Amino acid sequence: PIPFIIWGSLAFQDRLAPLYADVREKVSFLNGQLSNNLMGITTIKSF
């Protein structure tokens, strides 16, 4: 079973890599939005 496990692991890695890259990109956008809101909290409240 070990060669099949290694082959399957490598195949899954190739499919998982872009998905996890997209996850990190999305959390970066979310953090950016939160950072902007915290820095602009006075403007948000005033409007």
ModelCIF file with pLDDT and N, C-alpha, C, O atoms, coordinates in Angstrom:
data_MODEL
#
_entry.id   MODEL 
#
_entity.id                         1 
_entity.type                       polymer 
_entity.pdbx_number_of_molecules   1 
#
_entity_poly.entity_id                      1 
_entity_poly.type                           'polypeptide(L)' 
_entity_poly.nstd_linkage                   no 
_entity_poly.nstd_monomer                   no 
_entity_poly.pdbx_seq_one_letter_code       PIPFIIWGSLAFQDRLAPLYADVREKVSFLNGQLSNNLMGITTIKSF 
_entity_poly.pdbx_seq_one_letter_code_can   PIPFIIWGSLAFQDRLAPLYADVREKVSFLNGQLSNNLMGITTIKSF 
_entity_poly.pdbx_strand_id                 A 
#
loop_
_entity_poly_seq.entity_id 
_entity_poly_seq.num 
_entity_poly_seq.mon_id 
_entity_poly_seq.hetero 
1 1  PRO n 
1 2  ILE n 
1 3  PRO n 
1 4  PHE n 
1 5  ILE n 
1 6  ILE n 
1 7  TRP n 
1 8  GLY n 
1 9  SER n 
1 10 LEU n 
1 11 ALA n 
1 12 PHE n 
1 13 GLN n 
1 14 ASP n 
1 15 ARG n 
1 16 LEU n 
1 17 ALA n 
1 18 PRO n 
1 19 LEU n 
1 20 TYR n 
1 21 ALA n 
1 22 ASP n 
1 23 VAL n 
1 24 ARG n 
1 25 GLU n 
1 26 LYS n 
1 27 VAL n 
1 28 SER n 
1 29 PHE n 
1 30 LEU n 
1 31 ASN n 
1 32 GLY n 
1 33 GLN n 
1 34 LEU n 
1 35 SER n 
1 36 ASN n 
1 37 ASN n 
1 38 LEU n 
1 39 MET n 
1 40 GLY n 
1 41 ILE n 
1 42 THR n 
1 43 THR n 
1 44 ILE n 
1 45 LYS n 
1 46 SER n 
1 47 PHE n 
#
_struct_asym.id          A 
_struct_asym.entity_id   1 
#
loop_
_ma_qa_metric.id 
_ma_qa_metric.mode 
_ma_qa_metric.name 
_ma_qa_metric.software_group_id 
_ma_qa_metric.type 
1 global pLDDT . pLDDT 
2 local  pLDDT . pLDDT 
#
_ma_qa_metric_global.metric_id      1 
_ma_qa_metric_global.metric_value   79.96 
_ma_qa_metric_global.model_id       1 
_ma_qa_metric_global.ordinal_id     1 
#
loop_
_ma_qa_metric_local.label_asym_id 
_ma_qa_metric_local.label_comp_id 
_ma_qa_metric_local.label_seq_id 
_ma_qa_metric_local.metric_id 
_ma_qa_metric_local.metric_value 
_ma_qa_metric_local.model_id 
_ma_qa_metric_local.ordinal_id 
A PRO 1  2 71.00 1 1  
A ILE 2  2 72.00 1 2  
A PRO 3  2 76.00 1 3  
A PHE 4  2 74.00 1 4  
A ILE 5  2 73.00 1 5  
A ILE 6  2 73.00 1 6  
A TRP 7  2 76.00 1 7  
A GLY 8  2 72.00 1 8  
A SER 9  2 71.00 1 9  
A LEU 10 2 71.00 1 10 
A ALA 11 2 75.00 1 11 
A PHE 12 2 75.00 1 12 
A GLN 13 2 72.00 1 13 
A ASP 14 2 75.00 1 14 
A ARG 15 2 80.00 1 15 
A LEU 16 2 79.00 1 16 
A ALA 17 2 77.00 1 17 
A PRO 18 2 84.00 1 18 
A LEU 19 2 86.00 1 19 
A TYR 20 2 81.00 1 20 
A ALA 21 2 82.00 1 21 
A ASP 22 2 87.00 1 22 
A VAL 23 2 85.00 1 23 
A ARG 24 2 81.00 1 24 
A GLU 25 2 84.00 1 25 
A LYS 26 2 88.00 1 26 
A VAL 27 2 84.00 1 27 
A SER 28 2 82.00 1 28 
A PHE 29 2 85.00 1 29 
A LEU 30 2 86.00 1 30 
A ASN 31 2 82.00 1 31 
A GLY 32 2 82.00 1 32 
A GLN 33 2 85.00 1 33 
A LEU 34 2 85.00 1 34 
A SER 35 2 81.00 1 35 
A ASN 36 2 82.00 1 36 
A ASN 37 2 85.00 1 37 
A LEU 38 2 83.00 1 38 
A MET 39 2 78.00 1 39 
A GLY 40 2 81.00 1 40 
A ILE 41 2 84.00 1 41 
A THR 42 2 77.00 1 42 
A THR 43 2 82.00 1 43 
A ILE 44 2 88.00 1 44 
A LYS 45 2 86.00 1 45 
A SER 46 2 79.00 1 46 
A PHE 47 2 81.00 1 47 
#
loop_
_atom_site.group_PDB 
_atom_site.id 
_atom_site.type_symbol 
_atom_site.label_atom_id 
_atom_site.label_alt_id 
_atom_site.label_comp_id 
_atom_site.label_asym_id 
_atom_site.label_entity_id 
_atom_site.label_seq_id 
_atom_site.pdbx_PDB_ins_code 
_atom_site.Cartn_x 
_atom_site.Cartn_y 
_atom_site.Cartn_z 
_atom_site.occupancy 
_atom_site.B_iso_or_equiv 
_atom_site.pdbx_formal_charge 
_atom_site.auth_seq_id 
_atom_site.auth_comp_id 
_atom_site.auth_asym_id 
_atom_site.auth_atom_id 
_atom_site.pdbx_PDB_model_num 
ATOM 1   N N  . PRO A 1 1  ? 0.801   -1.238 0.000  1.00 71.00 ? 1  PRO A N  1 
ATOM 2   C CA . PRO A 1 1  ? 0.000   0.000  0.000  1.00 71.00 ? 1  PRO A CA 1 
ATOM 3   C C  . PRO A 1 1  ? 0.830   1.283  0.000  1.00 71.00 ? 1  PRO A C  1 
ATOM 4   O O  . PRO A 1 1  ? 0.342   2.337  -0.406 1.00 71.00 ? 1  PRO A O  1 
ATOM 5   N N  . ILE A 1 2  ? 2.078   1.198  0.452  1.00 72.00 ? 2  ILE A N  1 
ATOM 6   C CA . ILE A 1 2  ? 2.855   2.424  0.637  1.00 72.00 ? 2  ILE A CA 1 
ATOM 7   C C  . ILE A 1 2  ? 3.057   3.198  -0.659 1.00 72.00 ? 2  ILE A C  1 
ATOM 8   O O  . ILE A 1 2  ? 2.860   4.414  -0.661 1.00 72.00 ? 2  ILE A O  1 
ATOM 9   N N  . PRO A 1 3  ? 3.453   2.534  -1.800 1.00 76.00 ? 3  PRO A N  1 
ATOM 10  C CA . PRO A 1 3  ? 3.588   3.319  -3.045 1.00 76.00 ? 3  PRO A CA 1 
ATOM 11  C C  . PRO A 1 3  ? 2.283   4.008  -3.461 1.00 76.00 ? 3  PRO A C  1 
ATOM 12  O O  . PRO A 1 3  ? 2.303   5.131  -3.965 1.00 76.00 ? 3  PRO A O  1 
ATOM 13  N N  . PHE A 1 4  ? 1.134   3.318  -3.246 1.00 74.00 ? 4  PHE A N  1 
ATOM 14  C CA . PHE A 1 4  ? -0.150  3.932  -3.595 1.00 74.00 ? 4  PHE A CA 1 
ATOM 15  C C  . PHE A 1 4  ? -0.444  5.145  -2.716 1.00 74.00 ? 4  PHE A C  1 
ATOM 16  O O  . PHE A 1 4  ? -0.980  6.155  -3.173 1.00 74.00 ? 4  PHE A O  1 
ATOM 17  N N  . ILE A 1 5  ? -0.073  5.014  -1.430 1.00 73.00 ? 5  ILE A N  1 
ATOM 18  C CA . ILE A 1 5  ? -0.288  6.131  -0.510 1.00 73.00 ? 5  ILE A CA 1 
ATOM 19  C C  . ILE A 1 5  ? 0.553   7.335  -0.931 1.00 73.00 ? 5  ILE A C  1 
ATOM 20  O O  . ILE A 1 5  ? 0.077   8.470  -0.938 1.00 73.00 ? 5  ILE A O  1 
ATOM 21  N N  . ILE A 1 6  ? 1.822   7.065  -1.285 1.00 73.00 ? 6  ILE A N  1 
ATOM 22  C CA . ILE A 1 6  ? 2.707   8.164  -1.708 1.00 73.00 ? 6  ILE A CA 1 
ATOM 23  C C  . ILE A 1 6  ? 2.207   8.793  -3.004 1.00 73.00 ? 6  ILE A C  1 
ATOM 24  O O  . ILE A 1 6  ? 2.173   10.017 -3.137 1.00 73.00 ? 6  ILE A O  1 
ATOM 25  N N  . TRP A 1 7  ? 1.813   7.938  -3.967 1.00 76.00 ? 7  TRP A N  1 
ATOM 26  C CA . TRP A 1 7  ? 1.304   8.475  -5.233 1.00 76.00 ? 7  TRP A CA 1 
ATOM 27  C C  . TRP A 1 7  ? 0.033   9.297  -5.026 1.00 76.00 ? 7  TRP A C  1 
ATOM 28  O O  . TRP A 1 7  ? -0.118  10.380 -5.591 1.00 76.00 ? 7  TRP A O  1 
ATOM 29  N N  . GLY A 1 8  ? -0.880  8.766  -4.205 1.00 72.00 ? 8  GLY A N  1 
ATOM 30  C CA . GLY A 1 8  ? -2.117  9.496  -3.923 1.00 72.00 ? 8  GLY A CA 1 
ATOM 31  C C  . GLY A 1 8  ? -1.853  10.800 -3.200 1.00 72.00 ? 8  GLY A C  1 
ATOM 32  O O  . GLY A 1 8  ? -2.509  11.813 -3.447 1.00 72.00 ? 8  GLY A O  1 
ATOM 33  N N  . SER A 1 9  ? -0.877  10.757 -2.300 1.00 71.00 ? 9  SER A N  1 
ATOM 34  C CA . SER A 1 9  ? -0.548  11.981 -1.558 1.00 71.00 ? 9  SER A CA 1 
ATOM 35  C C  . SER A 1 9  ? -0.034  13.070 -2.485 1.00 71.00 ? 9  SER A C  1 
ATOM 36  O O  . SER A 1 9  ? -0.429  14.230 -2.375 1.00 71.00 ? 9  SER A O  1 
ATOM 37  N N  . LEU A 1 10 ? 0.859   12.684 -3.409 1.00 71.00 ? 10 LEU A N  1 
ATOM 38  C CA . LEU A 1 10 ? 1.404   13.667 -4.356 1.00 71.00 ? 10 LEU A CA 1 
ATOM 39  C C  . LEU A 1 10 ? 0.309   14.200 -5.277 1.00 71.00 ? 10 LEU A C  1 
ATOM 40  O O  . LEU A 1 10 ? 0.272   15.391 -5.588 1.00 71.00 ? 10 LEU A O  1 
ATOM 41  N N  . ALA A 1 11 ? -0.597  13.289 -5.718 1.00 75.00 ? 11 ALA A N  1 
ATOM 42  C CA . ALA A 1 11 ? -1.684  13.727 -6.595 1.00 75.00 ? 11 ALA A CA 1 
ATOM 43  C C  . ALA A 1 11 ? -2.607  14.706 -5.882 1.00 75.00 ? 11 ALA A C  1 
ATOM 44  O O  . ALA A 1 11 ? -3.030  15.704 -6.464 1.00 75.00 ? 11 ALA A O  1 
ATOM 45  N N  . PHE A 1 12 ? -2.919  14.417 -4.612 1.00 75.00 ? 12 PHE A N  1 
ATOM 46  C CA . PHE A 1 12 ? -3.778  15.311 -3.849 1.00 75.00 ? 12 PHE A CA 1 
ATOM 47  C C  . PHE A 1 12 ? -3.081  16.646 -3.583 1.00 75.00 ? 12 PHE A C  1 
ATOM 48  O O  . PHE A 1 12 ? -3.719  17.699 -3.575 1.00 75.00 ? 12 PHE A O  1 
ATOM 49  N N  . GLN A 1 13 ? -1.785  16.590 -3.368 1.00 72.00 ? 13 GLN A N  1 
ATOM 50  C CA . GLN A 1 13 ? -1.042  17.839 -3.134 1.00 72.00 ? 13 GLN A CA 1 
ATOM 51  C C  . GLN A 1 13 ? -1.161  18.776 -4.331 1.00 72.00 ? 13 GLN A C  1 
ATOM 52  O O  . GLN A 1 13 ? -1.350  19.982 -4.170 1.00 72.00 ? 13 GLN A O  1 
ATOM 53  N N  . ASP A 1 14 ? -1.047  18.206 -5.543 1.00 75.00 ? 14 ASP A N  1 
ATOM 54  C CA . ASP A 1 14 ? -1.147  19.037 -6.742 1.00 75.00 ? 14 ASP A CA 1 
ATOM 55  C C  . ASP A 1 14 ? -2.509  19.709 -6.836 1.00 75.00 ? 14 ASP A C  1 
ATOM 56  O O  . ASP A 1 14 ? -2.618  20.841 -7.309 1.00 75.00 ? 14 ASP A O  1 
ATOM 57  N N  . ARG A 1 15 ? -3.555  19.006 -6.382 1.00 80.00 ? 15 ARG A N  1 
ATOM 58  C CA . ARG A 1 15 ? -4.906  19.582 -6.440 1.00 80.00 ? 15 ARG A CA 1 
ATOM 59  C C  . ARG A 1 15 ? -5.169  20.523 -5.266 1.00 80.00 ? 15 ARG A C  1 
ATOM 60  O O  . ARG A 1 15 ? -5.939  21.476 -5.382 1.00 80.00 ? 15 ARG A O  1 
ATOM 61  N N  . LEU A 1 16 ? -4.525  20.244 -4.142 1.00 79.00 ? 16 LEU A N  1 
ATOM 62  C CA . LEU A 1 16 ? -4.756  21.082 -2.954 1.00 79.00 ? 16 LEU A CA 1 
ATOM 63  C C  . LEU A 1 16 ? -3.996  22.395 -3.005 1.00 79.00 ? 16 LEU A C  1 
ATOM 64  O O  . LEU A 1 16 ? -4.446  23.398 -2.451 1.00 79.00 ? 16 LEU A O  1 
ATOM 65  N N  . ALA A 1 17 ? -2.833  22.394 -3.676 1.00 77.00 ? 17 ALA A N  1 
ATOM 66  C CA . ALA A 1 17 ? -1.970  23.583 -3.659 1.00 77.00 ? 17 ALA A CA 1 
ATOM 67  C C  . ALA A 1 17 ? -2.700  24.853 -4.102 1.00 77.00 ? 17 ALA A C  1 
ATOM 68  O O  . ALA A 1 17 ? -2.663  25.846 -3.376 1.00 77.00 ? 17 ALA A O  1 
ATOM 69  N N  . PRO A 1 18 ? -3.372  24.862 -5.283 1.00 84.00 ? 18 PRO A N  1 
ATOM 70  C CA . PRO A 1 18 ? -4.057  26.097 -5.680 1.00 84.00 ? 18 PRO A CA 1 
ATOM 71  C C  . PRO A 1 18 ? -5.221  26.455 -4.772 1.00 84.00 ? 18 PRO A C  1 
ATOM 72  O O  . PRO A 1 18 ? -5.538  27.632 -4.601 1.00 84.00 ? 18 PRO A O  1 
ATOM 73  N N  . LEU A 1 19 ? -5.863  25.440 -4.184 1.00 86.00 ? 19 LEU A N  1 
ATOM 74  C CA . LEU A 1 19 ? -6.987  25.721 -3.281 1.00 86.00 ? 19 LEU A CA 1 
ATOM 75  C C  . LEU A 1 19 ? -6.511  26.432 -2.022 1.00 86.00 ? 19 LEU A C  1 
ATOM 76  O O  . LEU A 1 19 ? -7.131  27.398 -1.576 1.00 86.00 ? 19 LEU A O  1 
ATOM 77  N N  . TYR A 1 20 ? -5.410  25.955 -1.450 1.00 81.00 ? 20 TYR A N  1 
ATOM 78  C CA . TYR A 1 20 ? -4.898  26.602 -0.240 1.00 81.00 ? 20 TYR A CA 1 
ATOM 79  C C  . TYR A 1 20 ? -4.281  27.964 -0.548 1.00 81.00 ? 20 TYR A C  1 
ATOM 80  O O  . TYR A 1 20 ? -4.319  28.870 0.284  1.00 81.00 ? 20 TYR A O  1 
ATOM 81  N N  . ALA A 1 21 ? -3.713  28.105 -1.745 1.00 82.00 ? 21 ALA A N  1 
ATOM 82  C CA . ALA A 1 21 ? -3.219  29.427 -2.141 1.00 82.00 ? 21 ALA A CA 1 
ATOM 83  C C  . ALA A 1 21 ? -4.377  30.424 -2.204 1.00 82.00 ? 21 ALA A C  1 
ATOM 84  O O  . ALA A 1 21 ? -4.240  31.578 -1.800 1.00 82.00 ? 21 ALA A O  1 
ATOM 85  N N  . ASP A 1 22 ? -5.521  29.958 -2.719 1.00 87.00 ? 22 ASP A N  1 
ATOM 86  C CA . ASP A 1 22 ? -6.706  30.819 -2.784 1.00 87.00 ? 22 ASP A CA 1 
ATOM 87  C C  . ASP A 1 22 ? -7.218  31.140 -1.377 1.00 87.00 ? 22 ASP A C  1 
ATOM 88  O O  . ASP A 1 22 ? -7.673  32.256 -1.125 1.00 87.00 ? 22 ASP A O  1 
ATOM 89  N N  . VAL A 1 23 ? -7.147  30.177 -0.469 1.00 85.00 ? 23 VAL A N  1 
ATOM 90  C CA . VAL A 1 23 ? -7.562  30.424 0.922  1.00 85.00 ? 23 VAL A CA 1 
ATOM 91  C C  . VAL A 1 23 ? -6.725  31.539 1.541  1.00 85.00 ? 23 VAL A C  1 
ATOM 92  O O  . VAL A 1 23 ? -7.264  32.448 2.173  1.00 85.00 ? 23 VAL A O  1 
ATOM 93  N N  . ARG A 1 24 ? -5.407  31.466 1.359  1.00 81.00 ? 24 ARG A N  1 
ATOM 94  C CA . ARG A 1 24 ? -4.528  32.483 1.940  1.00 81.00 ? 24 ARG A CA 1 
ATOM 95  C C  . ARG A 1 24 ? -4.784  33.855 1.306  1.00 81.00 ? 24 ARG A C  1 
ATOM 96  O O  . ARG A 1 24 ? -4.686  34.887 1.969  1.00 81.00 ? 24 ARG A O  1 
ATOM 97  N N  . GLU A 1 25 ? -5.114  33.845 0.012  1.00 84.00 ? 25 GLU A N  1 
ATOM 98  C CA . GLU A 1 25 ? -5.406  35.107 -0.675 1.00 84.00 ? 25 GLU A CA 1 
ATOM 99  C C  . GLU A 1 25 ? -6.690  35.728 -0.123 1.00 84.00 ? 25 GLU A C  1 
ATOM 100 O O  . GLU A 1 25 ? -6.762  36.938 0.094  1.00 84.00 ? 25 GLU A O  1 
ATOM 101 N N  . LYS A 1 26 ? -7.702  34.884 0.101  1.00 88.00 ? 26 LYS A N  1 
ATOM 102 C CA . LYS A 1 26 ? -8.982  35.388 0.609  1.00 88.00 ? 26 LYS A CA 1 
ATOM 103 C C  . LYS A 1 26 ? -8.837  35.922 2.033  1.00 88.00 ? 26 LYS A C  1 
ATOM 104 O O  . LYS A 1 26 ? -9.421  36.954 2.363  1.00 88.00 ? 26 LYS A O  1 
ATOM 105 N N  . VAL A 1 27 ? -8.079  35.246 2.869  1.00 84.00 ? 27 VAL A N  1 
ATOM 106 C CA . VAL A 1 27 ? -7.911  35.746 4.238  1.00 84.00 ? 27 VAL A CA 1 
ATOM 107 C C  . VAL A 1 27 ? -7.097  37.030 4.248  1.00 84.00 ? 27 VAL A C  1 
ATOM 108 O O  . VAL A 1 27 ? -7.256  37.866 5.138  1.00 84.00 ? 27 VAL A O  1 
ATOM 109 N N  . SER A 1 28 ? -6.218  37.187 3.251  1.00 82.00 ? 28 SER A N  1 
ATOM 110 C CA . SER A 1 28 ? -5.470  38.436 3.125  1.00 82.00 ? 28 SER A CA 1 
ATOM 111 C C  . SER A 1 28 ? -6.413  39.594 2.801  1.00 82.00 ? 28 SER A C  1 
ATOM 112 O O  . SER A 1 28 ? -6.294  40.674 3.380  1.00 82.00 ? 28 SER A O  1 
ATOM 113 N N  . PHE A 1 29 ? -7.355  39.369 1.873  1.00 85.00 ? 29 PHE A N  1 
ATOM 114 C CA . PHE A 1 29 ? -8.335  40.404 1.544  1.00 85.00 ? 29 PHE A CA 1 
ATOM 115 C C  . PHE A 1 29 ? -9.186  40.752 2.761  1.00 85.00 ? 29 PHE A C  1 
ATOM 116 O O  . PHE A 1 29 ? -9.482  41.920 3.012  1.00 85.00 ? 29 PHE A O  1 
ATOM 117 N N  . LEU A 1 30 ? -9.575  39.725 3.510  1.00 86.00 ? 30 LEU A N  1 
ATOM 118 C CA . LEU A 1 30 ? -10.402 39.955 4.698  1.00 86.00 ? 30 LEU A CA 1 
ATOM 119 C C  . LEU A 1 30 ? -9.649  40.780 5.735  1.00 86.00 ? 30 LEU A C  1 
ATOM 120 O O  . LEU A 1 30 ? -10.199 41.722 6.306  1.00 86.00 ? 30 LEU A O  1 
ATOM 121 N N  . ASN A 1 31 ? -8.389  40.425 5.975  1.00 82.00 ? 31 ASN A N  1 
ATOM 122 C CA . ASN A 1 31 ? -7.582  41.186 6.926  1.00 82.00 ? 31 ASN A CA 1 
ATOM 123 C C  . ASN A 1 31 ? -7.385  42.632 6.466  1.00 82.00 ? 31 ASN A C  1 
ATOM 124 O O  . ASN A 1 31 ? -7.392  43.560 7.274  1.00 82.00 ? 31 ASN A O  1 
ATOM 125 N N  . GLY A 1 32 ? -7.211  42.806 5.155  1.00 82.00 ? 32 GLY A N  1 
ATOM 126 C CA . GLY A 1 32 ? -7.052  44.150 4.630  1.00 82.00 ? 32 GLY A CA 1 
ATOM 127 C C  . GLY A 1 32 ? -8.284  45.000 4.873  1.00 82.00 ? 32 GLY A C  1 
ATOM 128 O O  . GLY A 1 32 ? -8.181  46.175 5.226  1.00 82.00 ? 32 GLY A O  1 
ATOM 129 N N  . GLN A 1 33 ? -9.469  44.392 4.679  1.00 85.00 ? 33 GLN A N  1 
ATOM 130 C CA . GLN A 1 33 ? -10.707 45.127 4.913  1.00 85.00 ? 33 GLN A CA 1 
ATOM 131 C C  . GLN A 1 33 ? -10.875 45.480 6.389  1.00 85.00 ? 33 GLN A C  1 
ATOM 132 O O  . GLN A 1 33 ? -11.285 46.592 6.723  1.00 85.00 ? 33 GLN A O  1 
ATOM 133 N N  . LEU A 1 34 ? -10.560 44.541 7.260  1.00 85.00 ? 34 LEU A N  1 
ATOM 134 C CA . LEU A 1 34 ? -10.655 44.800 8.708  1.00 85.00 ? 34 LEU A CA 1 
ATOM 135 C C  . LEU A 1 34 ? -9.691  45.900 9.129  1.00 85.00 ? 34 LEU A C  1 
ATOM 136 O O  . LEU A 1 34 ? -10.042 46.767 9.929  1.00 85.00 ? 34 LEU A O  1 
ATOM 137 N N  . SER A 1 35 ? -8.475  45.864 8.588  1.00 81.00 ? 35 SER A N  1 
ATOM 138 C CA . SER A 1 35 ? -7.492  46.887 8.915  1.00 81.00 ? 35 SER A CA 1 
ATOM 139 C C  . SER A 1 35 ? -7.971  48.269 8.477  1.00 81.00 ? 35 SER A C  1 
ATOM 140 O O  . SER A 1 35 ? -7.853  49.239 9.226  1.00 81.00 ? 35 SER A O  1 
ATOM 141 N N  . ASN A 1 36 ? -8.510  48.355 7.262  1.00 82.00 ? 36 ASN A N  1 
ATOM 142 C CA . ASN A 1 36 ? -9.031  49.631 6.781  1.00 82.00 ? 36 ASN A CA 1 
ATOM 143 C C  . ASN A 1 36 ? -10.165 50.141 7.656  1.00 82.00 ? 36 ASN A C  1 
ATOM 144 O O  . ASN A 1 36 ? -10.236 51.334 7.953  1.00 82.00 ? 36 ASN A O  1 
ATOM 145 N N  . ASN A 1 37 ? -11.052 49.243 8.069  1.00 85.00 ? 37 ASN A N  1 
ATOM 146 C CA . ASN A 1 37 ? -12.184 49.660 8.893  1.00 85.00 ? 37 ASN A CA 1 
ATOM 147 C C  . ASN A 1 37 ? -11.748 50.157 10.255 1.00 85.00 ? 37 ASN A C  1 
ATOM 148 O O  . ASN A 1 37 ? -12.300 51.128 10.773 1.00 85.00 ? 37 ASN A O  1 
ATOM 149 N N  . LEU A 1 38 ? -10.756 49.491 10.842 1.00 83.00 ? 38 LEU A N  1 
ATOM 150 C CA . LEU A 1 38 ? -10.283 49.920 12.156 1.00 83.00 ? 38 LEU A CA 1 
ATOM 151 C C  . LEU A 1 38 ? -9.602  51.282 12.075 1.00 83.00 ? 38 LEU A C  1 
ATOM 152 O O  . LEU A 1 38 ? -9.785  52.129 12.950 1.00 83.00 ? 38 LEU A O  1 
ATOM 153 N N  . MET A 1 39 ? -8.809  51.489 11.013 1.00 78.00 ? 39 MET A N  1 
ATOM 154 C CA . MET A 1 39 ? -8.132  52.778 10.864 1.00 78.00 ? 39 MET A CA 1 
ATOM 155 C C  . MET A 1 39 ? -9.109  53.895 10.504 1.00 78.00 ? 39 MET A C  1 
ATOM 156 O O  . MET A 1 39 ? -8.882  55.058 10.836 1.00 78.00 ? 39 MET A O  1 
ATOM 157 N N  . GLY A 1 40 ? -10.202 53.532 9.821  1.00 81.00 ? 40 GLY A N  1 
ATOM 158 C CA . GLY A 1 40 ? -11.167 54.556 9.412  1.00 81.00 ? 40 GLY A CA 1 
ATOM 159 C C  . GLY A 1 40 ? -12.433 54.549 10.231 1.00 81.00 ? 40 GLY A C  1 
ATOM 160 O O  . GLY A 1 40 ? -13.492 54.943 9.741  1.00 81.00 ? 40 GLY A O  1 
ATOM 161 N N  . ILE A 1 41 ? -12.341 54.100 11.492 1.00 84.00 ? 41 ILE A N  1 
ATOM 162 C CA . ILE A 1 41 ? -13.546 53.940 12.311 1.00 84.00 ? 41 ILE A CA 1 
ATOM 163 C C  . ILE A 1 41 ? -14.270 55.261 12.530 1.00 84.00 ? 41 ILE A C  1 
ATOM 164 O O  . ILE A 1 41 ? -15.499 55.281 12.603 1.00 84.00 ? 41 ILE A O  1 
ATOM 165 N N  . THR A 1 42 ? -13.527 56.373 12.638 1.00 77.00 ? 42 THR A N  1 
ATOM 166 C CA . THR A 1 42 ? -14.172 57.671 12.833 1.00 77.00 ? 42 THR A CA 1 
ATOM 167 C C  . THR A 1 42 ? -14.996 58.053 11.619 1.00 77.00 ? 42 THR A C  1 
ATOM 168 O O  . THR A 1 42 ? -16.119 58.539 11.758 1.00 77.00 ? 42 THR A O  1 
ATOM 169 N N  . THR A 1 43 ? -14.451 57.838 10.429 1.00 82.00 ? 43 THR A N  1 
ATOM 170 C CA . THR A 1 43 ? -15.186 58.138 9.206  1.00 82.00 ? 43 THR A CA 1 
ATOM 171 C C  . THR A 1 43 ? -16.421 57.252 9.088  1.00 82.00 ? 43 THR A C  1 
ATOM 172 O O  . THR A 1 43 ? -17.490 57.722 8.698  1.00 82.00 ? 43 THR A O  1 
ATOM 173 N N  . ILE A 1 44 ? -16.277 55.977 9.423  1.00 88.00 ? 44 ILE A N  1 
ATOM 174 C CA . ILE A 1 44 ? -17.412 55.052 9.353  1.00 88.00 ? 44 ILE A CA 1 
ATOM 175 C C  . ILE A 1 44 ? -18.533 55.507 10.268 1.00 88.00 ? 44 ILE A C  1 
ATOM 176 O O  . ILE A 1 44 ? -19.697 55.510 9.867  1.00 88.00 ? 44 ILE A O  1 
ATOM 177 N N  . LYS A 1 45 ? -18.200 55.891 11.488 1.00 86.00 ? 45 LYS A N  1 
ATOM 178 C CA . LYS A 1 45 ? -19.214 56.336 12.446 1.00 86.00 ? 45 LYS A CA 1 
ATOM 179 C C  . LYS A 1 45 ? -19.832 57.662 12.023 1.00 86.00 ? 45 LYS A C  1 
ATOM 180 O O  . LYS A 1 45 ? -21.040 57.858 12.154 1.00 86.00 ? 45 LYS A O  1 
ATOM 181 N N  . SER A 1 46 ? -19.003 58.576 11.513 1.00 79.00 ? 46 SER A N  1 
ATOM 182 C CA . SER A 1 46 ? -19.529 59.890 11.158 1.00 79.00 ? 46 SER A CA 1 
ATOM 183 C C  . SER A 1 46 ? -20.490 59.819 9.968  1.00 79.00 ? 46 SER A C  1 
ATOM 184 O O  . SER A 1 46 ? -21.382 60.658 9.844  1.00 79.00 ? 46 SER A O  1 
ATOM 185 N N  . PHE A 1 47 ? -20.314 58.821 9.089  1.00 81.00 ? 47 PHE A N  1 
ATOM 186 C CA . PHE A 1 47 ? -21.211 58.654 7.951  1.00 81.00 ? 47 PHE A CA 1 
ATOM 187 C C  . PHE A 1 47 ? -22.274 57.579 8.210  1.00 81.00 ? 47 PHE A C  1 
ATOM 188 O O  . PHE A 1 47 ? -23.110 57.317 7.345  1.00 81.00 ? 47 PHE A O  1 
#
